[in-house]
Every structure is written in structure tokens, then in C-alpha cells.
Amino acid sequence: MIHYVIEQFSSSGDLLATYSLHDIDLPELQRLFNIAPSNPMYDMYPIGTDQRSRLEVASGKRFDLDTYNYYVTAEEE
């Protein structure tokens, strides 16, 4: 089964943390990132200001977009 998480990276590209997403499904992620419904979103998608607020709620974390890079990505359970 596939679930979606947020990965936080340093500016040098080191993975710092992984956060689970709650109460958000694939169709909502596709809308949030303007992705076609046929795309299962298996790649990494950078989180910007347009996605920040909703994904902070879904992850329970605050994002510092000026210091770190954040991506939504798929993981297999």
C-alpha cells in the first residue's frame, strides 16, 4: 500500500526528517499540486507557498521554507 509523506532536506541535500501526512488523500494532493488525476504522484514534489498551509495542517508540522526544502513523496508500507 502506498502512503504519502513529507521529507525535509537541508540546503546541502541531506535528509533531515520524514513526516507522515494525515487526513489528506491522493485526489486532494493532486489538486494541491495541479497534477493530473491519472498521475499516482510517485515522484518527489517540492512544497512551496501554495501548498504550505494545507500540508502543515496535514503533517502537524511548521515548515521553514527559507531554510529547508520540503517534498511530498510516496512510500510503500
PDB file of N, CA and C in Angstrom:
ATOM      1  N   MET A   1       0.845  -1.180   0.000  1.00  0.00           N
ATOM      2  CA  MET A   1       0.000   0.000   0.000  1.00  0.00           C
ATOM      3  C   MET A   1       0.889   1.241   0.000  1.00  0.00           C
ATOM      4  N   ILE A   2       0.502   2.233  -0.740  1.00  0.00           N
ATOM      5  CA  ILE A   2       1.245   3.486  -0.859  1.00  0.00           C
ATOM      6  C   ILE A   2       0.640   4.518   0.089  1.00  0.00           C
ATOM      7  N   HIS A   3       1.500   5.234   0.792  1.00  0.00           N
ATOM      8  CA  HIS A   3       1.058   6.403   1.540  1.00  0.00           C
ATOM      9  C   HIS A   3       2.029   7.538   1.245  1.00  0.00           C
ATOM     10  N   TYR A   4       1.619   8.743   1.549  1.00  0.00           N
ATOM     11  CA  TYR A   4       2.385   9.925   1.192  1.00  0.00           C
ATOM     12  C   TYR A   4       2.949  10.574   2.439  1.00  0.00           C
ATOM     13  N   VAL A   5       4.188  11.043   2.326  1.00  0.00           N
ATOM     14  CA  VAL A   5       4.884  11.667   3.442  1.00  0.00           C
ATOM     15  C   VAL A   5       5.554  12.948   2.963  1.00  0.00           C
ATOM     16  N   ILE A   6       6.032  13.721   3.918  1.00  0.00           N
ATOM     17  CA  ILE A   6       6.835  14.898   3.618  1.00  0.00           C
ATOM     18  C   ILE A   6       8.253  14.602   4.081  1.00  0.00           C
ATOM     19  N   GLU A   7       9.202  14.873   3.199  1.00  0.00           N
ATOM     20  CA  GLU A   7      10.605  14.730   3.546  1.00  0.00           C
ATOM     21  C   GLU A   7      11.218  16.127   3.615  1.00  0.00           C
ATOM     22  N   GLN A   8      11.973  16.362   4.681  1.00  0.00           N
ATOM     23  CA  GLN A   8      12.647  17.640   4.908  1.00  0.00           C
ATOM     24  C   GLN A   8      14.135  17.464   4.648  1.00  0.00           C
ATOM     25  N   PHE A   9      14.687  18.340   3.813  1.00  0.00           N
ATOM     26  CA  PHE A   9      16.092  18.287   3.442  1.00  0.00           C
ATOM     27  C   PHE A   9      16.798  19.583   3.832  1.00  0.00           C
ATOM     28  N   SER A  10      18.078  19.464   4.169  1.00  0.00           N
ATOM     29  CA  SER A  10      18.907  20.643   4.390  1.00  0.00           C
ATOM     30  C   SER A  10      19.209  21.285   3.042  1.00  0.00           C
ATOM     31  N   SER A  11      19.762  22.477   3.077  1.00  0.00           N
ATOM     32  CA  SER A  11      20.113  23.156   1.825  1.00  0.00           C
ATOM     33  C   SER A  11      21.216  22.416   1.074  1.00  0.00           C
ATOM     34  N   SER A  12      21.972  21.562   1.778  1.00  0.00           N
ATOM     35  CA  SER A  12      23.024  20.772   1.120  1.00  0.00           C
ATOM     36  C   SER A  12      22.513  19.433   0.607  1.00  0.00           C
ATOM     37  N   GLY A  13      21.218  19.149   0.828  1.00  0.00           N
ATOM     38  CA  GLY A  13      20.616  17.941   0.275  1.00  0.00           C
ATOM     39  C   GLY A  13      20.547  16.757   1.214  1.00  0.00           C
ATOM     40  N   ASP A  14      20.885  16.951   2.492  1.00  0.00           N
ATOM     41  CA  ASP A  14      20.797  15.862   3.470  1.00  0.00           C
ATOM     42  C   ASP A  14      19.369  15.703   3.963  1.00  0.00           C
ATOM     43  N   LEU A  15      18.880  14.458   3.988  1.00  0.00           N
ATOM     44  CA  LEU A  15      17.552  14.186   4.535  1.00  0.00           C
ATOM     45  C   LEU A  15      17.597  14.375   6.042  1.00  0.00           C
ATOM     46  N   LEU A  16      16.737  15.250   6.558  1.00  0.00           N
ATOM     47  CA  LEU A  16      16.723  15.562   7.981  1.00  0.00           C
ATOM     48  C   LEU A  16      15.578  14.892   8.724  1.00  0.00           C
ATOM     49  N   ALA A  17      14.421  14.783   8.078  1.00  0.00           N
ATOM     50  CA  ALA A  17      13.244  14.231   8.760  1.00  0.00           C
ATOM     51  C   ALA A  17      12.208  13.793   7.735  1.00  0.00           C
ATOM     52  N   THR A  18      11.339  12.895   8.184  1.00  0.00           N
ATOM     53  CA  THR A  18      10.188  12.453   7.390  1.00  0.00           C
ATOM     54  C   THR A  18       8.948  12.599   8.259  1.00  0.00           C
ATOM     55  N   TYR A  19       7.918  13.217   7.707  1.00  0.00           N
ATOM     56  CA  TYR A  19       6.679  13.455   8.435  1.00  0.00           C
ATOM     57  C   TYR A  19       5.519  12.762   7.739  1.00  0.00           C
ATOM     58  N   SER A  20       4.702  12.087   8.511  1.00  0.00           N
ATOM     59  CA  SER A  20       3.510  11.439   7.971  1.00  0.00           C
ATOM     60  C   SER A  20       2.449  12.490   7.663  1.00  0.00           C
ATOM     61  N   LEU A  21       1.637  12.199   6.662  1.00  0.00           N
ATOM     62  CA  LEU A  21       0.502  13.045   6.322  1.00  0.00           C
ATOM     63  C   LEU A  21      -0.772  12.375   6.812  1.00  0.00           C
ATOM     64  N   HIS A  22      -1.667  13.176   7.376  1.00  0.00           N
ATOM     65  CA  HIS A  22      -2.933  12.679   7.905  1.00  0.00           C
ATOM     66  C   HIS A  22      -4.089  13.467   7.292  1.00  0.00           C
ATOM     67  N   ASP A  23      -5.187  12.791   7.094  1.00  0.00           N
ATOM     68  CA  ASP A  23      -6.416  13.437   6.617  1.00  0.00           C
ATOM     69  C   ASP A  23      -6.245  14.178   5.298  1.00  0.00           C
ATOM     70  N   ILE A  24      -5.456  13.583   4.415  1.00  0.00           N
ATOM     71  CA  ILE A  24      -5.312  14.127   3.065  1.00  0.00           C
ATOM     72  C   ILE A  24      -5.132  12.929   2.128  1.00  0.00           C
ATOM     73  N   ASP A  25      -5.878  12.919   1.044  1.00  0.00           N
ATOM     74  CA  ASP A  25      -5.814  11.765   0.140  1.00  0.00           C
ATOM     75  C   ASP A  25      -5.178  12.166  -1.191  1.00  0.00           C
ATOM     76  N   LEU A  26      -4.972  11.175  -2.034  1.00  0.00           N
ATOM     77  CA  LEU A  26      -4.323  11.408  -3.319  1.00  0.00           C
ATOM     78  C   LEU A  26      -5.056  12.450  -4.165  1.00  0.00           C
ATOM     79  N   PRO A  27      -6.380  12.384  -4.319  1.00  0.00           N
ATOM     80  CA  PRO A  27      -7.042  13.414  -5.138  1.00  0.00           C
ATOM     81  C   PRO A  27      -6.806  14.835  -4.618  1.00  0.00           C
ATOM     82  N   GLU A  28      -6.770  15.005  -3.307  1.00  0.00           N
ATOM     83  CA  GLU A  28      -6.518  16.343  -2.764  1.00  0.00           C
ATOM     84  C   GLU A  28      -5.071  16.765  -3.037  1.00  0.00           C
ATOM     85  N   LEU A  29      -4.123  15.844  -2.895  1.00  0.00           N
ATOM     86  CA  LEU A  29      -2.729  16.157  -3.226  1.00  0.00           C
ATOM     87  C   LEU A  29      -2.586  16.532  -4.698  1.00  0.00           C
ATOM     88  N   GLN A  30      -3.262  15.792  -5.562  1.00  0.00           N
ATOM     89  CA  GLN A  30      -3.208  16.094  -6.998  1.00  0.00           C
ATOM     90  C   GLN A  30      -3.741  17.501  -7.277  1.00  0.00           C
ATOM     91  N   ARG A  31      -4.826  17.877  -6.635  1.00  0.00           N
ATOM     92  CA  ARG A  31      -5.380  19.225  -6.813  1.00  0.00           C
ATOM     93  C   ARG A  31      -4.412  20.279  -6.259  1.00  0.00           C
ATOM     94  N   LEU A  32      -3.848  20.002  -5.094  1.00  0.00           N
ATOM     95  CA  LEU A  32      -2.950  20.944  -4.434  1.00  0.00           C
ATOM     96  C   LEU A  32      -1.714  21.239  -5.280  1.00  0.00           C
ATOM     97  N   PHE A  33      -1.207  20.221  -5.974  1.00  0.00           N
ATOM     98  CA  PHE A  33      -0.019  20.377  -6.806  1.00  0.00           C
ATOM     99  C   PHE A  33      -0.346  20.545  -8.287  1.00  0.00           C
ATOM    100  N   ASN A  34      -1.637  20.621  -8.614  1.00  0.00           N
ATOM    101  CA  ASN A  34      -2.081  20.770 -10.004  1.00  0.00           C
ATOM    102  C   ASN A  34      -1.546  19.623 -10.871  1.00  0.00           C
ATOM    103  N   ILE A  35      -1.763  18.409 -10.387  1.00  0.00           N
ATOM    104  CA  ILE A  35      -1.305  17.182 -11.039  1.00  0.00           C
ATOM    105  C   ILE A  35      -2.525  16.465 -11.634  1.00  0.00           C
ATOM    106  N   ALA A  36      -2.366  15.886 -12.789  1.00  0.00           N
ATOM    107  CA  ALA A  36      -3.460  15.171 -13.453  1.00  0.00           C
ATOM    108  C   ALA A  36      -3.948  14.002 -12.590  1.00  0.00           C
ATOM    109  N   PRO A  37      -5.257  13.734 -12.583  1.00  0.00           N
ATOM    110  CA  PRO A  37      -5.808  12.626 -11.796  1.00  0.00           C
ATOM    111  C   PRO A  37      -5.227  11.259 -12.164  1.00  0.00           C
ATOM    112  N   SER A  38      -4.686  11.111 -13.348  1.00  0.00           N
ATOM    113  CA  SER A  38      -4.111   9.832 -13.761  1.00  0.00           C
ATOM    114  C   SER A  38      -2.690   9.623 -13.213  1.00  0.00           C
ATOM    115  N   ASN A  39      -2.094  10.665 -12.637  1.00  0.00           N
ATOM    116  CA  ASN A  39      -0.727  10.590 -12.107  1.00  0.00           C
ATOM    117  C   ASN A  39      -0.770  10.133 -10.649  1.00  0.00           C
ATOM    118  N   PRO A  40      -0.151   8.987 -10.312  1.00  0.00           N
ATOM    119  CA  PRO A  40      -0.195   8.488  -8.931  1.00  0.00           C
ATOM    120  C   PRO A  40       0.757   9.212  -7.976  1.00  0.00           C
ATOM    121  N   MET A  41       1.499  10.207  -8.455  1.00  0.00           N
ATOM    122  CA  MET A  41       2.404  11.018  -7.645  1.00  0.00           C
ATOM    123  C   MET A  41       3.460  10.174  -6.939  1.00  0.00           C
ATOM    124  N   TYR A  42       4.187   9.386  -7.693  1.00  0.00           N
ATOM    125  CA  TYR A  42       5.272   8.576  -7.142  1.00  0.00           C
ATOM    126  C   TYR A  42       6.596   9.331  -7.088  1.00  0.00           C
ATOM    127  N   ASP A  43       6.672  10.502  -7.736  1.00  0.00           N
ATOM    128  CA  ASP A  43       7.887  11.307  -7.734  1.00  0.00           C
ATOM    129  C   ASP A  43       7.922  12.182  -6.479  1.00  0.00           C
ATOM    130  N   MET A  44       8.940  13.017  -6.378  1.00  0.00           N
ATOM    131  CA  MET A  44       9.042  13.987  -5.296  1.00  0.00           C
ATOM    132  C   MET A  44       8.499  15.319  -5.797  1.00  0.00           C
ATOM    133  N   TYR A  45       7.640  15.944  -4.996  1.00  0.00           N
ATOM    134  CA  TYR A  45       7.013  17.198  -5.376  1.00  0.00           C
ATOM    135  C   TYR A  45       7.379  18.273  -4.366  1.00  0.00           C
ATOM    136  N   PRO A  46       8.076  19.338  -4.811  1.00  0.00           N
ATOM    137  CA  PRO A  46       8.513  20.379  -3.882  1.00  0.00           C
ATOM    138  C   PRO A  46       7.333  21.163  -3.320  1.00  0.00           C
ATOM    139  N   ILE A  47       7.396  21.412  -2.041  1.00  0.00           N
ATOM    140  CA  ILE A  47       6.359  22.178  -1.354  1.00  0.00           C
ATOM    141  C   ILE A  47       6.744  23.650  -1.404  1.00  0.00           C
ATOM    142  N   GLY A  48       5.820  24.437  -1.899  1.00  0.00           N
ATOM    143  CA  GLY A  48       6.012  25.889  -1.961  1.00  0.00           C
ATOM    144  C   GLY A  48       4.957  26.588  -1.126  1.00  0.00           C
ATOM    145  N   THR A  49       4.884  27.876  -1.290  1.00  0.00           N
ATOM    146  CA  THR A  49       3.939  28.662  -0.501  1.00  0.00           C
ATOM    147  C   THR A  49       2.483  28.295  -0.803  1.00  0.00           C
ATOM    148  N   ASP A  50       2.195  27.849  -2.029  1.00  0.00           N
ATOM    149  CA  ASP A  50       0.824  27.480  -2.386  1.00  0.00           C
ATOM    150  C   ASP A  50       0.343  26.239  -1.637  1.00  0.00           C
ATOM    151  N   GLN A  51       1.238  25.329  -1.316  1.00  0.00           N
ATOM    152  CA  GLN A  51       0.882  24.079  -0.659  1.00  0.00           C
ATOM    153  C   GLN A  51       1.134  24.114   0.850  1.00  0.00           C
ATOM    154  N   ARG A  52       1.919  25.046   1.287  1.00  0.00           N
ATOM    155  CA  ARG A  52       2.420  25.075   2.667  1.00  0.00           C
ATOM    156  C   ARG A  52       1.329  24.949   3.733  1.00  0.00           C
ATOM    157  N   SER A  53       0.351  25.804   3.707  1.00  0.00           N
ATOM    158  CA  SER A  53      -0.653  25.861   4.766  1.00  0.00           C
ATOM    159  C   SER A  53      -1.381  24.531   4.935  1.00  0.00           C
ATOM    160  N   ARG A  54      -1.870  23.973   3.840  1.00  0.00           N
ATOM    161  CA  ARG A  54      -2.627  22.717   3.918  1.00  0.00           C
ATOM    162  C   ARG A  54      -1.739  21.565   4.389  1.00  0.00           C
ATOM    163  N   LEU A  55      -0.511  21.528   3.944  1.00  0.00           N
ATOM    164  CA  LEU A  55       0.371  20.422   4.324  1.00  0.00           C
ATOM    165  C   LEU A  55       0.906  20.570   5.741  1.00  0.00           C
ATOM    166  N   GLU A  56       0.994  21.800   6.238  1.00  0.00           N
ATOM    167  CA  GLU A  56       1.333  21.977   7.648  1.00  0.00           C
ATOM    168  C   GLU A  56       0.237  21.389   8.526  1.00  0.00           C
ATOM    169  N   VAL A  57      -1.001  21.610   8.145  1.00  0.00           N
ATOM    170  CA  VAL A  57      -2.126  21.031   8.894  1.00  0.00           C
ATOM    171  C   VAL A  57      -2.098  19.510   8.802  1.00  0.00           C
ATOM    172  N   ALA A  58      -1.887  18.979   7.605  1.00  0.00           N
ATOM    173  CA  ALA A  58      -1.921  17.524   7.388  1.00  0.00           C
ATOM    174  C   ALA A  58      -0.756  16.806   8.069  1.00  0.00           C
ATOM    175  N   SER A  59       0.360  17.505   8.285  1.00  0.00           N
ATOM    176  CA  SER A  59       1.528  16.883   8.910  1.00  0.00           C
ATOM    177  C   SER A  59       1.666  17.234  10.386  1.00  0.00           C
ATOM    178  N   GLY A  60       1.008  18.298  10.811  1.00  0.00           N
ATOM    179  CA  GLY A  60       1.160  18.762  12.182  1.00  0.00           C
ATOM    180  C   GLY A  60       2.502  19.440  12.429  1.00  0.00           C
ATOM    181  N   LYS A  61       3.176  19.849  11.360  1.00  0.00           N
ATOM    182  CA  LYS A  61       4.500  20.488  11.459  1.00  0.00           C
ATOM    183  C   LYS A  61       4.464  21.852  10.790  1.00  0.00           C
ATOM    184  N   ARG A  62       5.337  22.744  11.254  1.00  0.00           N
ATOM    185  CA  ARG A  62       5.511  24.043  10.595  1.00  0.00           C
ATOM    186  C   ARG A  62       6.743  23.965   9.708  1.00  0.00           C
ATOM    187  N   PHE A  63       6.665  24.548   8.535  1.00  0.00           N
ATOM    188  CA  PHE A  63       7.750  24.485   7.569  1.00  0.00           C
ATOM    189  C   PHE A  63       8.488  25.819   7.500  1.00  0.00           C
ATOM    190  N   ASP A  64       9.798  25.752   7.501  1.00  0.00           N
ATOM    191  CA  ASP A  64      10.652  26.917   7.308  1.00  0.00           C
ATOM    192  C   ASP A  64      11.189  26.838   5.880  1.00  0.00           C
ATOM    193  N   LEU A  65      10.416  27.355   4.950  1.00  0.00           N
ATOM    194  CA  LEU A  65      10.772  27.253   3.530  1.00  0.00           C
ATOM    195  C   LEU A  65      12.004  28.076   3.166  1.00  0.00           C
ATOM    196  N   ASP A  66      12.391  29.020   4.009  1.00  0.00           N
ATOM    197  CA  ASP A  66      13.578  29.829   3.731  1.00  0.00           C
ATOM    198  C   ASP A  66      14.865  29.075   4.065  1.00  0.00           C
ATOM    199  N   THR A  67      14.772  28.087   4.960  1.00  0.00           N
ATOM    200  CA  THR A  67      15.962  27.370   5.425  1.00  0.00           C
ATOM    201  C   THR A  67      16.060  25.953   4.881  1.00  0.00           C
ATOM    202  N   TYR A  68      14.918  25.296   4.734  1.00  0.00           N
ATOM    203  CA  TYR A  68      14.894  23.884   4.353  1.00  0.00           C
ATOM    204  C   TYR A  68      14.073  23.667   3.083  1.00  0.00           C
ATOM    205  N   ASN A  69      14.283  22.511   2.458  1.00  0.00           N
ATOM    206  CA  ASN A  69      13.493  22.087   1.304  1.00  0.00           C
ATOM    207  C   ASN A  69      12.589  20.948   1.748  1.00  0.00           C
ATOM    208  N   TYR A  70      11.333  21.014   1.339  1.00  0.00           N
ATOM    209  CA  TYR A  70      10.338  20.009   1.712  1.00  0.00           C
ATOM    210  C   TYR A  70       9.711  19.440   0.447  1.00  0.00           C
ATOM    211  N   TYR A  71       9.459  18.141   0.473  1.00  0.00           N
ATOM    212  CA  TYR A  71       8.870  17.454  -0.678  1.00  0.00           C
ATOM    213  C   TYR A  71       7.816  16.477  -0.207  1.00  0.00           C
ATOM    214  N   VAL A  72       6.750  16.351  -0.996  1.00  0.00           N
ATOM    215  CA  VAL A  72       5.802  15.259  -0.810  1.00  0.00           C
ATOM    216  C   VAL A  72       6.285  14.107  -1.675  1.00  0.00           C
ATOM    217  N   THR A  73       6.303  12.938  -1.109  1.00  0.00           N
ATOM    218  CA  THR A  73       6.732  11.755  -1.851  1.00  0.00           C
ATOM    219  C   THR A  73       5.936  10.539  -1.389  1.00  0.00           C
ATOM    220  N   ALA A  74       5.924   9.521  -2.210  1.00  0.00           N
ATOM    221  CA  ALA A  74       5.199   8.284  -1.904  1.00  0.00           C
ATOM    222  C   ALA A  74       6.138   7.292  -1.229  1.00  0.00           C
ATOM    223  N   GLU A  75       5.587   6.558  -0.282  1.00  0.00           N
ATOM    224  CA  GLU A  75       6.300   5.465   0.376  1.00  0.00           C
ATOM    225  C   GLU A  75       5.399   4.239   0.360  1.00  0.00           C
ATOM    226  N   GLU A  76       6.024   3.089   0.254  1.00  0.00           N
ATOM    227  CA  GLU A  76       5.271   1.843   0.299  1.00  0.00           C
ATOM    228  C   GLU A  76       5.292   1.315   1.734  1.00  0.00           C
ATOM    229  N   GLU A  77       4.113   0.954   2.217  1.00  0.00           N
ATOM    230  CA  GLU A  77       4.008   0.412   3.576  1.00  0.00           C
ATOM    231  C   GLU A  77       4.402  -1.032   3.601  1.00  0.00           C
TER     232      GLU A  77
END
